């Protein structure tokens, strides 16, 4: 295993063992679920790579050491409060062209691999498998069950460059960058054999670059992280643009013992309305903020496990949409 370097051990004496386990493997979280235009199509939109200091959904400004590799498995589950059936039917009767799809839950599981090119530059990729459970829509006076939409999602390639660090003050800043590549499935079919609309497909069919910043402050056993990322989406499958995304996150983590971090995060996401054939969908777009307590544990010196539970504090939806209930995120990371 690559030596992490004596200087790094001195800089983070309280947090190093757990910190090195979980780096920015999940920097592509913005693309984990491609349908991001409204609540029932939403996934996490932070890059999700802030595991350096124990955070689950907030990026850290500190990446891997030179020559280090990390492999991770990350999963996110979102439970959705679907639009009530009577409300959906009434809205459909008033406007038969309105997009009123309902989704019961969303689940995305991703594999990630990252490499430390230098102590300041980390690169990697992330590939998700996306599941949307119980998609339905109002049709002819009743709720029509369309089924589950499942499949491989879009691969995201990412980088993290630390452009500032003051080891004595424990301060670090980094730029986050990458692109989501249209490798995901875009032809998933409903129970009746028709094609799911673009926002429910596992892949988006679009090339979406993203750019952001991260800041980390280490103060003894406590670490603070701030991060924000903007994703510029393009038109993809079925002439659909799923809408730009801006994520904003803050986290504090505190070391209780040599192998345990307690975490508290605020995870926010703004999503632009989606467009189909250049026309904006009224029932899409949202600004939401989660409160997410969590825990991260070092199972060994090279294996880390993290878990986070999120509840929405703020939900400002545009039009008539499903509401988000709660979110669970988990990450298992291996360093070698």
C-alpha atoms as a PDB file:
ATOM      1  CA  UNK A   1       0.000   0.000   0.000  1.00  0.00           C
ATOM      2  CA  UNK A   2       1.260   3.451  -0.892  1.00  0.00           C
ATOM      3  CA  UNK A   3       2.730   5.463   2.003  1.00  0.00           C
ATOM      4  CA  UNK A   4       0.474   8.424   2.723  1.00  0.00           C
ATOM      5  CA  UNK A   5       3.407  10.554   3.808  1.00  0.00           C
ATOM      6  CA  UNK A   6       4.617  11.692   7.213  1.00  0.00           C
ATOM      7  CA  UNK A   7       3.564  15.269   6.596  1.00  0.00           C
ATOM      8  CA  UNK A   8      -0.060  14.220   6.161  1.00  0.00           C
ATOM      9  CA  UNK A   9      -0.003  12.178   9.330  1.00  0.00           C
ATOM     10  CA  UNK A  10       1.163  15.251  11.215  1.00  0.00           C
ATOM     11  CA  UNK A  11      -1.438  17.503   9.625  1.00  0.00           C
ATOM     12  CA  UNK A  12      -4.424  15.325  10.548  1.00  0.00           C
ATOM     13  CA  UNK A  13      -3.415  13.386  13.672  1.00  0.00           C
ATOM     14  CA  UNK A  14      -6.984  12.961  14.911  1.00  0.00           C
ATOM     15  CA  UNK A  15      -8.809  12.273  11.678  1.00  0.00           C
ATOM     16  CA  UNK A  16      -6.333  10.703   9.249  1.00  0.00           C
ATOM     17  CA  UNK A  17      -7.194   6.968   9.475  1.00  0.00           C
ATOM     18  CA  UNK A  18     -10.868   7.440   8.668  1.00  0.00           C
ATOM     19  CA  UNK A  19     -10.292  10.405   6.384  1.00  0.00           C
ATOM     20  CA  UNK A  20      -8.069   8.526   3.942  1.00  0.00           C
ATOM     21  CA  UNK A  21     -10.678   5.785   3.534  1.00  0.00           C
ATOM     22  CA  UNK A  22     -13.406   7.918   1.981  1.00  0.00           C
ATOM     23  CA  UNK A  23     -12.349  10.483  -0.578  1.00  0.00           C
ATOM     24  CA  UNK A  24     -14.179  12.018  -3.513  1.00  0.00           C
ATOM     25  CA  UNK A  25     -15.374   8.750  -5.059  1.00  0.00           C
ATOM     26  CA  UNK A  26     -18.888  10.117  -5.403  1.00  0.00           C
ATOM     27  CA  UNK A  27     -18.043  13.444  -7.011  1.00  0.00           C
ATOM     28  CA  UNK A  28     -20.518  12.612  -9.757  1.00  0.00           C
ATOM     29  CA  UNK A  29     -23.546  12.402  -7.509  1.00  0.00           C
ATOM     30  CA  UNK A  30     -25.175  15.163  -9.481  1.00  0.00           C
ATOM     31  CA  UNK A  31     -25.732  12.654 -12.241  1.00  0.00           C
ATOM     32  CA  UNK A  32     -26.618   9.615 -10.170  1.00  0.00           C
ATOM     33  CA  UNK A  33     -30.266   9.900 -11.174  1.00  0.00           C
ATOM     34  CA  UNK A  34     -30.570  11.650 -14.529  1.00  0.00           C
ATOM     35  CA  UNK A  35     -34.184  12.758 -14.195  1.00  0.00           C
ATOM     36  CA  UNK A  36     -33.819  15.843 -12.053  1.00  0.00           C
ATOM     37  CA  UNK A  37     -36.551  18.117 -13.291  1.00  0.00           C
ATOM     38  CA  UNK A  38     -39.120  17.564 -10.571  1.00  0.00           C
ATOM     39  CA  UNK A  39     -39.605  15.928  -7.212  1.00  0.00           C
ATOM     40  CA  UNK A  40     -40.674  12.476  -8.300  1.00  0.00           C
ATOM     41  CA  UNK A  41     -37.746  12.295 -10.699  1.00  0.00           C
ATOM     42  CA  UNK A  42     -35.164  13.652  -8.297  1.00  0.00           C
ATOM     43  CA  UNK A  43     -31.976  12.181  -6.983  1.00  0.00           C
ATOM     44  CA  UNK A  44     -29.244  13.720  -4.935  1.00  0.00           C
ATOM     45  CA  UNK A  45     -27.575  16.589  -6.709  1.00  0.00           C
ATOM     46  CA  UNK A  46     -24.592  17.252  -4.616  1.00  0.00           C
ATOM     47  CA  UNK A  47     -21.449  15.693  -5.995  1.00  0.00           C
ATOM     48  CA  UNK A  48     -21.464  13.669  -2.861  1.00  0.00           C
ATOM     49  CA  UNK A  49     -17.719  13.382  -2.506  1.00  0.00           C
ATOM     50  CA  UNK A  50     -17.067  15.015   0.818  1.00  0.00           C
ATOM     51  CA  UNK A  51     -16.140  11.844   2.659  1.00  0.00           C
ATOM     52  CA  UNK A  52     -12.611  12.985   3.510  1.00  0.00           C
ATOM     53  CA  UNK A  53     -13.703  14.298   6.868  1.00  0.00           C
ATOM     54  CA  UNK A  54     -16.650  12.000   7.381  1.00  0.00           C
ATOM     55  CA  UNK A  55     -19.378  13.901   5.487  1.00  0.00           C
ATOM     56  CA  UNK A  56     -21.592  11.800   3.211  1.00  0.00           C
ATOM     57  CA  UNK A  57     -23.142  14.338   0.829  1.00  0.00           C
ATOM     58  CA  UNK A  58     -20.811  17.342   1.093  1.00  0.00           C
ATOM     59  CA  UNK A  59     -17.565  17.500  -0.842  1.00  0.00           C
ATOM     60  CA  UNK A  60     -14.219  17.880   0.886  1.00  0.00           C
ATOM     61  CA  UNK A  61     -11.353  19.956  -0.483  1.00  0.00           C
ATOM     62  CA  UNK A  62      -8.888  17.172   0.385  1.00  0.00           C
ATOM     63  CA  UNK A  63      -8.398  14.295  -2.042  1.00  0.00           C
ATOM     64  CA  UNK A  64      -6.338  11.127  -2.100  1.00  0.00           C
ATOM     65  CA  UNK A  65      -2.600  11.073  -1.524  1.00  0.00           C
ATOM     66  CA  UNK A  66      -0.245  10.626  -4.472  1.00  0.00           C
ATOM     67  CA  UNK A  67      -0.443   7.074  -5.838  1.00  0.00           C
ATOM     68  CA  UNK A  68      -3.414   6.031  -3.678  1.00  0.00           C
ATOM     69  CA  UNK A  69      -6.466   4.262  -5.073  1.00  0.00           C
ATOM     70  CA  UNK A  70      -9.962   4.075  -3.597  1.00  0.00           C
ATOM     71  CA  UNK A  71     -12.928   1.951  -4.639  1.00  0.00           C
ATOM     72  CA  UNK A  72     -16.430   2.550  -3.380  1.00  0.00           C
ATOM     73  CA  UNK A  73     -20.009   1.359  -3.427  1.00  0.00           C
ATOM     74  CA  UNK A  74     -22.589   4.072  -2.788  1.00  0.00           C
ATOM     75  CA  UNK A  75     -26.367   3.793  -2.515  1.00  0.00           C
ATOM     76  CA  UNK A  76     -29.167   6.338  -2.187  1.00  0.00           C
ATOM     77  CA  UNK A  77     -32.850   5.668  -1.498  1.00  0.00           C
ATOM     78  CA  UNK A  78     -35.537   8.373  -1.708  1.00  0.00           C
ATOM     79  CA  UNK A  79     -39.065   7.731  -0.452  1.00  0.00           C
ATOM     80  CA  UNK A  80     -41.665   9.883  -2.214  1.00  0.00           C
ATOM     81  CA  UNK A  81     -45.068  11.161  -1.099  1.00  0.00           C
ATOM     82  CA  UNK A  82     -46.898  10.732  -4.377  1.00  0.00           C
ATOM     83  CA  UNK A  83     -49.437  13.238  -5.615  1.00  0.00           C
ATOM     84  CA  UNK A  84     -52.824  12.048  -4.236  1.00  0.00           C
ATOM     85  CA  UNK A  85     -54.794  10.092  -6.817  1.00  0.00           C
ATOM     86  CA  UNK A  86     -57.903  12.307  -6.647  1.00  0.00           C
ATOM     87  CA  UNK A  87     -55.761  15.416  -7.051  1.00  0.00           C
ATOM     88  CA  UNK A  88     -53.865  13.925 -10.003  1.00  0.00           C
ATOM     89  CA  UNK A  89     -57.111  12.880 -11.717  1.00  0.00           C
ATOM     90  CA  UNK A  90     -58.672  16.328 -11.220  1.00  0.00           C
ATOM     91  CA  UNK A  91     -55.590  18.057 -12.618  1.00  0.00           C
ATOM     92  CA  UNK A  92     -55.524  15.700 -15.605  1.00  0.00           C
ATOM     93  CA  UNK A  93     -59.195  16.352 -16.305  1.00  0.00           C
ATOM     94  CA  UNK A  94     -58.511  20.099 -16.283  1.00  0.00           C
ATOM     95  CA  UNK A  95     -55.436  19.773 -18.523  1.00  0.00           C
ATOM     96  CA  UNK A  96     -54.878  16.464 -20.300  1.00  0.00           C
ATOM     97  CA  UNK A  97     -51.446  17.603 -21.557  1.00  0.00           C
ATOM     98  CA  UNK A  98     -50.010  18.258 -18.066  1.00  0.00           C
ATOM     99  CA  UNK A  99     -47.060  16.102 -16.961  1.00  0.00           C
ATOM    100  CA  UNK A 100     -48.461  14.421 -13.841  1.00  0.00           C
ATOM    101  CA  UNK A 101     -46.391  11.262 -13.497  1.00  0.00           C
ATOM    102  CA  UNK A 102     -46.112   9.746 -10.026  1.00  0.00           C
ATOM    103  CA  UNK A 103     -43.160   7.747  -8.627  1.00  0.00           C
ATOM    104  CA  UNK A 104     -43.275   5.818  -5.344  1.00  0.00           C
ATOM    105  CA  UNK A 105     -39.534   5.692  -4.658  1.00  0.00           C
ATOM    106  CA  UNK A 106     -36.106   6.086  -6.236  1.00  0.00           C
ATOM    107  CA  UNK A 107     -32.994   4.020  -5.642  1.00  0.00           C
ATOM    108  CA  UNK A 108     -29.549   4.514  -7.139  1.00  0.00           C
ATOM    109  CA  UNK A 109     -26.515   2.320  -6.430  1.00  0.00           C
ATOM    110  CA  UNK A 110     -23.147   3.357  -7.849  1.00  0.00           C
ATOM    111  CA  UNK A 111     -19.652   1.968  -8.235  1.00  0.00           C
ATOM    112  CA  UNK A 112     -16.780   4.453  -8.078  1.00  0.00           C
ATOM    113  CA  UNK A 113     -13.026   4.363  -8.558  1.00  0.00           C
ATOM    114  CA  UNK A 114     -10.609   7.215  -7.790  1.00  0.00           C
ATOM    115  CA  UNK A 115      -6.850   7.721  -8.081  1.00  0.00           C
ATOM    116  CA  UNK A 116      -4.527  10.249  -6.483  1.00  0.00           C
ATOM    117  CA  UNK A 117      -2.458  11.680  -9.336  1.00  0.00           C
ATOM    118  CA  UNK A 118      -0.750  13.911  -6.780  1.00  0.00           C
ATOM    119  CA  UNK A 119      -1.429  15.131  -3.254  1.00  0.00           C
ATOM    120  CA  UNK A 120      -3.521  17.914  -4.830  1.00  0.00           C
ATOM    121  CA  UNK A 121      -5.189  16.184  -7.809  1.00  0.00           C
ATOM    122  CA  UNK A 122      -7.657  13.292  -7.625  1.00  0.00           C
ATOM    123  CA  UNK A 123      -9.464  11.859 -10.661  1.00  0.00           C
ATOM    124  CA  UNK A 124     -12.017   9.098 -11.025  1.00  0.00           C
ATOM    125  CA  UNK A 125     -15.326   7.897 -12.382  1.00  0.00           C
ATOM    126  CA  UNK A 126     -18.712   6.769 -11.124  1.00  0.00           C
ATOM    127  CA  UNK A 127     -21.287   4.462 -12.738  1.00  0.00           C
ATOM    128  CA  UNK A 128     -24.815   4.181 -11.272  1.00  0.00           C
ATOM    129  CA  UNK A 129     -27.620   1.656 -11.578  1.00  0.00           C
ATOM    130  CA  UNK A 130     -30.944   3.480 -11.239  1.00  0.00           C
ATOM    131  CA  UNK A 131     -34.370   2.215 -10.169  1.00  0.00           C
ATOM    132  CA  UNK A 132     -37.647   4.146 -10.186  1.00  0.00           C
ATOM    133  CA  UNK A 133     -40.366   2.138  -8.467  1.00  0.00           C
ATOM    134  CA  UNK A 134     -44.082   2.184  -9.322  1.00  0.00           C
ATOM    135  CA  UNK A 135     -44.257   4.892 -11.965  1.00  0.00           C
ATOM    136  CA  UNK A 136     -47.885   5.814 -12.685  1.00  0.00           C
ATOM    137  CA  UNK A 137     -49.993   8.519 -14.335  1.00  0.00           C
ATOM    138  CA  UNK A 138     -53.649   9.617 -14.511  1.00  0.00           C
ATOM    139  CA  UNK A 139     -55.367   8.423 -17.677  1.00  0.00           C
ATOM    140  CA  UNK A 140     -59.053   8.048 -18.671  1.00  0.00           C
ATOM    141  CA  UNK A 141     -60.369   8.691 -15.161  1.00  0.00           C
ATOM    142  CA  UNK A 142     -58.052   6.270 -13.357  1.00  0.00           C
ATOM    143  CA  UNK A 143     -54.423   5.901 -12.288  1.00  0.00           C
ATOM    144  CA  UNK A 144     -52.525   3.856 -14.862  1.00  0.00           C
ATOM    145  CA  UNK A 145     -49.612   1.851 -13.429  1.00  0.00           C
ATOM    146  CA  UNK A 146     -46.648   1.995 -15.813  1.00  0.00           C
ATOM    147  CA  UNK A 147     -44.248  -0.202 -13.820  1.00  0.00           C
ATOM    148  CA  UNK A 148     -40.628   0.165 -12.729  1.00  0.00           C
ATOM    149  CA  UNK A 149     -37.925   1.894 -14.767  1.00  0.00           C
ATOM    150  CA  UNK A 150     -34.537   0.279 -14.112  1.00  0.00           C
ATOM    151  CA  UNK A 151     -31.126   0.133 -15.754  1.00  0.00           C
ATOM    152  CA  UNK A 152     -27.549   1.351 -15.934  1.00  0.00           C
ATOM    153  CA  UNK A 153     -27.253   5.131 -15.662  1.00  0.00           C
ATOM    154  CA  UNK A 154     -24.824   7.654 -17.114  1.00  0.00           C
ATOM    155  CA  UNK A 155     -21.129   7.379 -16.280  1.00  0.00           C
ATOM    156  CA  UNK A 156     -19.536  10.465 -14.728  1.00  0.00           C
ATOM    157  CA  UNK A 157     -15.839  11.288 -14.919  1.00  0.00           C
ATOM    158  CA  UNK A 158     -14.604  13.765 -12.308  1.00  0.00           C
ATOM    159  CA  UNK A 159     -11.595  15.576 -10.962  1.00  0.00           C
ATOM    160  CA  UNK A 160     -10.731  17.464  -7.800  1.00  0.00           C
ATOM    161  CA  UNK A 161      -7.822  19.910  -7.714  1.00  0.00           C
ATOM    162  CA  UNK A 162      -6.736  21.433  -4.401  1.00  0.00           C
ATOM    163  CA  UNK A 163      -5.411  24.891  -5.271  1.00  0.00           C
ATOM    164  CA  UNK A 164      -4.932  26.166  -1.708  1.00  0.00           C
ATOM    165  CA  UNK A 165      -3.913  24.647   1.605  1.00  0.00           C
ATOM    166  CA  UNK A 166      -2.573  26.001   4.875  1.00  0.00           C
ATOM    167  CA  UNK A 167      -1.634  23.006   6.981  1.00  0.00           C
ATOM    168  CA  UNK A 168      -1.030  25.004  10.160  1.00  0.00           C
ATOM    169  CA  UNK A 169      -4.461  26.615   9.971  1.00  0.00           C
ATOM    170  CA  UNK A 170      -6.083  23.398   8.705  1.00  0.00           C
ATOM    171  CA  UNK A 171      -7.649  25.166   5.715  1.00  0.00           C
ATOM    172  CA  UNK A 172      -8.034  23.727   2.210  1.00  0.00           C
ATOM    173  CA  UNK A 173      -9.822  24.790  -0.990  1.00  0.00           C
ATOM    174  CA  UNK A 174     -10.373  22.853  -4.212  1.00  0.00           C
ATOM    175  CA  UNK A 175     -12.071  23.109  -7.570  1.00  0.00           C
ATOM    176  CA  UNK A 176     -14.368  20.240  -8.585  1.00  0.00           C
ATOM    177  CA  UNK A 177     -14.956  19.443 -12.241  1.00  0.00           C
ATOM    178  CA  UNK A 178     -16.173  16.715 -14.551  1.00  0.00           C
ATOM    179  CA  UNK A 179     -18.695  15.571 -17.113  1.00  0.00           C
ATOM    180  CA  UNK A 180     -21.575  13.120 -17.248  1.00  0.00           C
ATOM    181  CA  UNK A 181     -21.403  10.912 -20.343  1.00  0.00           C
ATOM    182  CA  UNK A 182     -24.581   9.467 -21.973  1.00  0.00           C
ATOM    183  CA  UNK A 183     -23.840   5.774 -21.369  1.00  0.00           C
ATOM    184  CA  UNK A 184     -27.120   4.977 -19.611  1.00  0.00           C
ATOM    185  CA  UNK A 185     -30.167   3.121 -20.862  1.00  0.00           C
ATOM    186  CA  UNK A 186     -32.723   5.353 -22.612  1.00  0.00           C
ATOM    187  CA  UNK A 187     -35.205   2.824 -24.053  1.00  0.00           C
ATOM    188  CA  UNK A 188     -36.799   1.346 -20.918  1.00  0.00           C
ATOM    189  CA  UNK A 189     -40.418   0.248 -21.540  1.00  0.00           C
ATOM    190  CA  UNK A 190     -43.610   0.395 -19.474  1.00  0.00           C
ATOM    191  CA  UNK A 191     -45.773  -2.635 -18.660  1.00  0.00           C
ATOM    192  CA  UNK A 192     -47.823  -1.912 -21.791  1.00  0.00           C
ATOM    193  CA  UNK A 193     -44.714  -1.769 -23.973  1.00  0.00           C
ATOM    194  CA  UNK A 194     -44.571   1.978 -24.563  1.00  0.00           C
ATOM    195  CA  UNK A 195     -41.370   3.895 -23.919  1.00  0.00           C
ATOM    196  CA  UNK A 196     -40.931   5.647 -20.582  1.00  0.00           C
ATOM    197  CA  UNK A 197     -40.553   9.405 -20.932  1.00  0.00           C
ATOM    198  CA  UNK A 198     -37.034  10.826 -20.706  1.00  0.00           C
ATOM    199  CA  UNK A 199     -37.245  11.922 -17.059  1.00  0.00           C
ATOM    200  CA  UNK A 200     -37.903   8.319 -15.983  1.00  0.00           C
ATOM    201  CA  UNK A 201     -35.218   6.632 -18.071  1.00  0.00           C
ATOM    202  CA  UNK A 202     -32.106   5.311 -16.242  1.00  0.00           C
ATOM    203  CA  UNK A 203     -29.918   7.396 -18.570  1.00  0.00           C
ATOM    204  CA  UNK A 204     -30.409  10.914 -19.876  1.00  0.00           C
ATOM    205  CA  UNK A 205     -28.813  10.745 -23.331  1.00  0.00           C
ATOM    206  CA  UNK A 206     -27.106  14.088 -22.679  1.00  0.00           C
ATOM    207  CA  UNK A 207     -23.566  15.355 -22.120  1.00  0.00           C
ATOM    208  CA  UNK A 208     -23.580  17.386 -18.894  1.00  0.00           C
ATOM    209  CA  UNK A 209     -20.434  19.144 -17.603  1.00  0.00           C
ATOM    210  CA  UNK A 210     -20.223  20.250 -13.974  1.00  0.00           C
ATOM    211  CA  UNK A 211     -17.987  22.654 -12.050  1.00  0.00           C
ATOM    212  CA  UNK A 212     -17.775  23.571  -8.389  1.00  0.00           C
ATOM    213  CA  UNK A 213     -15.772  24.583  -5.331  1.00  0.00           C
ATOM    214  CA  UNK A 214     -15.088  22.948  -1.971  1.00  0.00           C
ATOM    215  CA  UNK A 215     -13.666  24.312   1.278  1.00  0.00           C
ATOM    216  CA  UNK A 216     -12.475  22.314   4.296  1.00  0.00           C
ATOM    217  CA  UNK A 217     -11.447  23.516   7.757  1.00  0.00           C
ATOM    218  CA  UNK A 218      -9.908  21.020  10.189  1.00  0.00           C
ATOM    219  CA  UNK A 219      -9.929  22.056  13.866  1.00  0.00           C
ATOM    220  CA  UNK A 220      -8.717  19.208  16.039  1.00  0.00           C
ATOM    221  CA  UNK A 221     -11.366  16.487  16.137  1.00  0.00           C
ATOM    222  CA  UNK A 222     -13.917  18.666  14.312  1.00  0.00           C
ATOM    223  CA  UNK A 223     -14.027  19.280  10.561  1.00  0.00           C
ATOM    224  CA  UNK A 224     -16.145  21.761   8.581  1.00  0.00           C
ATOM    225  CA  UNK A 225     -16.918  21.376   4.865  1.00  0.00           C
ATOM    226  CA  UNK A 226     -18.623  23.702   2.395  1.00  0.00           C
ATOM    227  CA  UNK A 227     -19.234  22.887  -1.264  1.00  0.00           C
ATOM    228  CA  UNK A 228     -21.269  23.934  -4.269  1.00  0.00           C
ATOM    229  CA  UNK A 229     -21.515  22.495  -7.775  1.00  0.00           C
ATOM    230  CA  UNK A 230     -23.305  23.640 -10.931  1.00  0.00           C
ATOM    231  CA  UNK A 231     -24.304  21.121 -13.617  1.00  0.00           C
ATOM    232  CA  UNK A 232     -25.032  22.451 -17.101  1.00  0.00           C
ATOM    233  CA  UNK A 233     -27.405  20.010 -18.794  1.00  0.00           C
ATOM    234  CA  UNK A 234     -27.916  19.637 -22.525  1.00  0.00           C
ATOM    235  CA  UNK A 235     -30.673  18.133 -24.653  1.00  0.00           C
ATOM    236  CA  UNK A 236     -30.727  14.359 -24.554  1.00  0.00           C
ATOM    237  CA  UNK A 237     -33.081  11.516 -25.342  1.00  0.00           C
ATOM    238  CA  UNK A 238     -36.583  12.322 -26.663  1.00  0.00           C
ATOM    239  CA  UNK A 239     -35.551  15.949 -27.281  1.00  0.00           C
ATOM    240  CA  UNK A 240     -35.606  16.550 -23.526  1.00  0.00           C
ATOM    241  CA  UNK A 241     -33.396  18.813 -21.429  1.00  0.00           C
ATOM    242  CA  UNK A 242     -33.789  17.767 -17.795  1.00  0.00           C
ATOM    243  CA  UNK A 243     -32.727  21.164 -16.447  1.00  0.00           C
ATOM    244  CA  UNK A 244     -29.582  22.653 -14.940  1.00  0.00           C
ATOM    245  CA  UNK A 245     -28.718  21.770 -11.333  1.00  0.00           C
ATOM    246  CA  UNK A 246     -27.061  23.784  -8.564  1.00  0.00           C
ATOM    247  CA  UNK A 247     -26.153  21.972  -5.351  1.00  0.00           C
ATOM    248  CA  UNK A 248     -25.051  23.690  -2.142  1.00  0.00           C
ATOM    249  CA  UNK A 249     -23.905  21.817   0.943  1.00  0.00           C
ATOM    250  CA  UNK A 250     -22.471  22.352   4.416  1.00  0.00           C
ATOM    251  CA  UNK A 251     -21.297  19.761   6.931  1.00  0.00           C
ATOM    252  CA  UNK A 252     -19.700  19.450  10.338  1.00  0.00           C
ATOM    253  CA  UNK A 253     -18.216  16.171  11.563  1.00  0.00           C
ATOM    254  CA  UNK A 254     -16.756  15.344  14.963  1.00  0.00           C
ATOM    255  CA  UNK A 255     -14.525  12.459  15.958  1.00  0.00           C
ATOM    256  CA  UNK A 256     -15.882  10.552  18.962  1.00  0.00           C
ATOM    257  CA  UNK A 257     -13.226   7.830  18.922  1.00  0.00           C
ATOM    258  CA  UNK A 258     -10.411   6.677  16.663  1.00  0.00           C
ATOM    259  CA  UNK A 259     -12.864   5.002  14.300  1.00  0.00           C
ATOM    260  CA  UNK A 260     -16.171   6.941  14.560  1.00  0.00           C
ATOM    261  CA  UNK A 261     -17.316  10.300  13.152  1.00  0.00           C
ATOM    262  CA  UNK A 262     -20.690  11.907  13.888  1.00  0.00           C
ATOM    263  CA  UNK A 263     -21.958  14.070  11.028  1.00  0.00           C
ATOM    264  CA  UNK A 264     -24.558  16.806  10.546  1.00  0.00           C
ATOM    265  CA  UNK A 265     -25.204  18.208   7.064  1.00  0.00           C
ATOM    266  CA  UNK A 266     -27.382  20.649   5.167  1.00  0.00           C
ATOM    267  CA  UNK A 267     -27.797  19.475   1.562  1.00  0.00           C
ATOM    268  CA  UNK A 268     -29.525  21.823  -0.860  1.00  0.00           C
ATOM    269  CA  UNK A 269     -30.454  21.507  -4.526  1.00  0.00           C
ATOM    270  CA  UNK A 270     -31.968  23.920  -7.022  1.00  0.00           C
ATOM    271  CA  UNK A 271     -33.307  22.361 -10.216  1.00  0.00           C
ATOM    272  CA  UNK A 272     -34.346  24.223 -13.309  1.00  0.00           C
ATOM    273  CA  UNK A 273     -37.570  23.339 -15.116  1.00  0.00           C
ATOM    274  CA  UNK A 274     -37.136  20.690 -17.785  1.00  0.00           C
ATOM    275  CA  UNK A 275     -37.910  21.344 -21.446  1.00  0.00           C
ATOM    276  CA  UNK A 276     -39.315  19.006 -24.111  1.00  0.00           C
ATOM    277  CA  UNK A 277     -38.929  20.079 -27.744  1.00  0.00           C
ATOM    278  CA  UNK A 278     -37.922  23.491 -26.396  1.00  0.00           C
ATOM    279  CA  UNK A 279     -41.119  23.966 -24.340  1.00  0.00           C
ATOM    280  CA  UNK A 280     -40.857  24.241 -20.540  1.00  0.00           C
ATOM    281  CA  UNK A 281     -42.763  21.721 -18.418  1.00  0.00           C
ATOM    282  CA  UNK A 282     -44.882  23.587 -15.855  1.00  0.00           C
ATOM    283  CA  UNK A 283     -44.838  20.791 -13.268  1.00  0.00           C
ATOM    284  CA  UNK A 284     -41.075  20.639 -12.885  1.00  0.00           C
ATOM    285  CA  UNK A 285     -38.288  22.454 -11.086  1.00  0.00           C
ATOM    286  CA  UNK A 286     -37.629  22.702  -7.350  1.00  0.00           C
ATOM    287  CA  UNK A 287     -35.478  24.212  -4.627  1.00  0.00           C
ATOM    288  CA  UNK A 288     -35.073  21.860  -1.660  1.00  0.00           C
ATOM    289  CA  UNK A 289     -32.952  21.614   1.470  1.00  0.00           C
ATOM    290  CA  UNK A 290     -32.275  18.474   3.532  1.00  0.00           C
ATOM    291  CA  UNK A 291     -31.132  18.180   7.143  1.00  0.00           C
ATOM    292  CA  UNK A 292     -28.966  15.053   7.176  1.00  0.00           C
ATOM    293  CA  UNK A 293     -27.469  13.562  10.351  1.00  0.00           C
ATOM    294  CA  UNK A 294     -25.120  10.638   9.813  1.00  0.00           C
ATOM    295  CA  UNK A 295     -22.256   8.492  11.021  1.00  0.00           C
ATOM    296  CA  UNK A 296     -19.062   7.147   9.490  1.00  0.00           C
ATOM    297  CA  UNK A 297     -17.051   4.236  10.887  1.00  0.00           C
ATOM    298  CA  UNK A 298     -13.631   2.866   9.971  1.00  0.00           C
ATOM    299  CA  UNK A 299     -14.114  -0.906   9.980  1.00  0.00           C
ATOM    300  CA  UNK A 300     -10.366  -1.368   9.405  1.00  0.00           C
ATOM    301  CA  UNK A 301      -7.513   0.953   8.403  1.00  0.00           C
ATOM    302  CA  UNK A 302      -8.569   0.502   4.766  1.00  0.00           C
ATOM    303  CA  UNK A 303     -12.358  -0.004   4.887  1.00  0.00           C
ATOM    304  CA  UNK A 304     -14.902   2.683   5.792  1.00  0.00           C
ATOM    305  CA  UNK A 305     -18.699   2.636   6.130  1.00  0.00           C
ATOM    306  CA  UNK A 306     -20.951   5.715   6.156  1.00  0.00           C
ATOM    307  CA  UNK A 307     -24.699   6.200   6.632  1.00  0.00           C
ATOM    308  CA  UNK A 308     -26.874   9.327   6.437  1.00  0.00           C
ATOM    309  CA  UNK A 309     -30.603   9.976   6.939  1.00  0.00           C
ATOM    310  CA  UNK A 310     -32.097  13.108   5.382  1.00  0.00           C
ATOM    311  CA  UNK A 311     -35.364  14.945   6.049  1.00  0.00           C
ATOM    312  CA  UNK A 312     -36.533  17.882   3.898  1.00  0.00           C
ATOM    313  CA  UNK A 313     -36.486  21.253   5.683  1.00  0.00           C
ATOM    314  CA  UNK A 314     -37.435  23.360   2.653  1.00  0.00           C
ATOM    315  CA  UNK A 315     -39.349  22.252  -0.454  1.00  0.00           C
ATOM    316  CA  UNK A 316     -40.369  24.848  -3.012  1.00  0.00           C
ATOM    317  CA  UNK A 317     -41.838  23.040  -5.993  1.00  0.00           C
ATOM    318  CA  UNK A 318     -42.997  24.588  -9.243  1.00  0.00           C
ATOM    319  CA  UNK A 319     -46.414  23.412 -10.337  1.00  0.00           C
ATOM    320  CA  UNK A 320     -48.037  20.193  -9.102  1.00  0.00           C
ATOM    321  CA  UNK A 321     -45.533  17.494  -8.129  1.00  0.00           C
ATOM    322  CA  UNK A 322     -44.855  14.610  -5.786  1.00  0.00           C
ATOM    323  CA  UNK A 323     -43.284  15.576  -2.451  1.00  0.00           C
ATOM    324  CA  UNK A 324     -40.091  14.094  -1.062  1.00  0.00           C
ATOM    325  CA  UNK A 325     -40.511  12.144   2.182  1.00  0.00           C
ATOM    326  CA  UNK A 326     -37.043  11.068   3.367  1.00  0.00           C
ATOM    327  CA  UNK A 327     -33.658  10.048   1.971  1.00  0.00           C
ATOM    328  CA  UNK A 328     -31.125   7.423   3.067  1.00  0.00           C
ATOM    329  CA  UNK A 329     -27.538   7.436   1.792  1.00  0.00           C
ATOM    330  CA  UNK A 330     -24.868   4.819   2.441  1.00  0.00           C
ATOM    331  CA  UNK A 331     -21.270   4.399   1.310  1.00  0.00           C
ATOM    332  CA  UNK A 332     -18.737   1.573   1.616  1.00  0.00           C
ATOM    333  CA  UNK A 333     -15.181   2.524   0.656  1.00  0.00           C
ATOM    334  CA  UNK A 334     -11.943   0.573   0.254  1.00  0.00           C
ATOM    335  CA  UNK A 335      -8.482   2.138   0.071  1.00  0.00           C
ATOM    336  CA  UNK A 336      -5.502   0.398  -1.498  1.00  0.00           C
END
